[in-house]
Amino acid sequence: MDSEVSRVEITDIKMPFGSMVVFMVKWAIASIPAIIILWILFMMFGGVLTGLTHI
């Protein structure tokens, strides 16, 4: 097995502006389910903390 390490350095990415806009819109839409899941988890955690500290 060859143990030689080769390095790669990216200096430029050529991407048309329209493709970049479409990519960023898809990225934003894909983040919506993650935000909803995090919001549900925070609400559950907050409910547990409120239930434990409420006298």
C-alpha atoms as a PDB file:
ATOM      1  CA  MET A   1       0.000   0.000   0.000  1.00  0.00           C
ATOM      2  CA  ASP A   2       1.344   3.412  -0.952  1.00  0.00           C
ATOM      3  CA  SER A   3       1.741   5.684   2.087  1.00  0.00           C
ATOM      4  CA  GLU A   4       2.524   8.827   0.088  1.00  0.00           C
ATOM      5  CA  VAL A   5       0.257  11.751   0.963  1.00  0.00           C
ATOM      6  CA  SER A   6      -0.822  14.113  -1.787  1.00  0.00           C
ATOM      7  CA  ARG A   7      -2.311  17.540  -1.074  1.00  0.00           C
ATOM      8  CA  VAL A   8      -4.994  19.220  -3.119  1.00  0.00           C
ATOM      9  CA  GLU A   9      -5.655  22.953  -2.987  1.00  0.00           C
ATOM     10  CA  ILE A  10      -8.766  24.429  -4.592  1.00  0.00           C
ATOM     11  CA  THR A  11      -8.122  27.940  -5.845  1.00  0.00           C
ATOM     12  CA  ASP A  12     -11.281  28.731  -7.825  1.00  0.00           C
ATOM     13  CA  ILE A  13     -14.747  27.367  -8.475  1.00  0.00           C
ATOM     14  CA  LYS A  14     -16.377  28.529 -11.683  1.00  0.00           C
ATOM     15  CA  MET A  15     -20.139  28.367 -11.334  1.00  0.00           C
ATOM     16  CA  PRO A  16     -22.726  30.404 -13.249  1.00  0.00           C
ATOM     17  CA  PHE A  17     -24.662  32.918 -11.149  1.00  0.00           C
ATOM     18  CA  GLY A  18     -28.054  31.336 -11.941  1.00  0.00           C
ATOM     19  CA  SER A  19     -26.868  27.887 -10.847  1.00  0.00           C
ATOM     20  CA  MET A  20     -25.496  29.370  -7.629  1.00  0.00           C
ATOM     21  CA  VAL A  21     -28.846  31.060  -6.886  1.00  0.00           C
ATOM     22  CA  VAL A  22     -30.728  27.791  -7.469  1.00  0.00           C
ATOM     23  CA  PHE A  23     -28.253  25.954  -5.221  1.00  0.00           C
ATOM     24  CA  MET A  24     -28.671  28.499  -2.412  1.00  0.00           C
ATOM     25  CA  VAL A  25     -32.487  28.396  -2.666  1.00  0.00           C
ATOM     26  CA  LYS A  26     -32.437  24.587  -2.434  1.00  0.00           C
ATOM     27  CA  TRP A  27     -30.067  24.862   0.538  1.00  0.00           C
ATOM     28  CA  ALA A  28     -32.447  27.264   2.304  1.00  0.00           C
ATOM     29  CA  ILE A  29     -35.468  25.038   1.638  1.00  0.00           C
ATOM     30  CA  ALA A  30     -33.578  21.978   2.896  1.00  0.00           C
ATOM     31  CA  SER A  31     -32.788  23.758   6.185  1.00  0.00           C
ATOM     32  CA  ILE A  32     -36.489  24.242   7.056  1.00  0.00           C
ATOM     33  CA  PRO A  33     -37.060  20.667   8.387  1.00  0.00           C
ATOM     34  CA  ALA A  34     -33.905  20.930  10.492  1.00  0.00           C
ATOM     35  CA  ILE A  35     -35.130  24.202  12.015  1.00  0.00           C
ATOM     36  CA  ILE A  36     -38.521  22.626  12.798  1.00  0.00           C
ATOM     37  CA  ILE A  37     -36.885  19.613  14.467  1.00  0.00           C
ATOM     38  CA  LEU A  38     -34.601  21.843  16.551  1.00  0.00           C
ATOM     39  CA  TRP A  39     -37.574  24.020  17.566  1.00  0.00           C
ATOM     40  CA  ILE A  40     -39.516  20.937  18.727  1.00  0.00           C
ATOM     41  CA  LEU A  41     -36.513  19.693  20.719  1.00  0.00           C
ATOM     42  CA  PHE A  42     -36.034  23.094  22.384  1.00  0.00           C
ATOM     43  CA  MET A  43     -39.734  23.252  23.271  1.00  0.00           C
ATOM     44  CA  MET A  44     -39.604  19.770  24.810  1.00  0.00           C
ATOM     45  CA  PHE A  45     -36.427  20.617  26.748  1.00  0.00           C
ATOM     46  CA  GLY A  46     -37.971  23.882  27.926  1.00  0.00           C
ATOM     47  CA  GLY A  47     -41.126  22.068  29.015  1.00  0.00           C
ATOM     48  CA  VAL A  48     -39.124  19.539  31.011  1.00  0.00           C
ATOM     49  CA  LEU A  49     -37.113  22.292  32.679  1.00  0.00           C
ATOM     50  CA  THR A  50     -40.247  24.278  33.456  1.00  0.00           C
ATOM     51  CA  GLY A  51     -41.917  21.185  34.914  1.00  0.00           C
ATOM     52  CA  LEU A  52     -38.897  20.387  37.084  1.00  0.00           C
ATOM     53  CA  THR A  53     -38.410  23.920  38.415  1.00  0.00           C
ATOM     54  CA  HIS A  54     -42.052  24.943  38.854  1.00  0.00           C
ATOM     55  CA  ILE A  55     -43.100  24.803  42.508  1.00  0.00           C
END
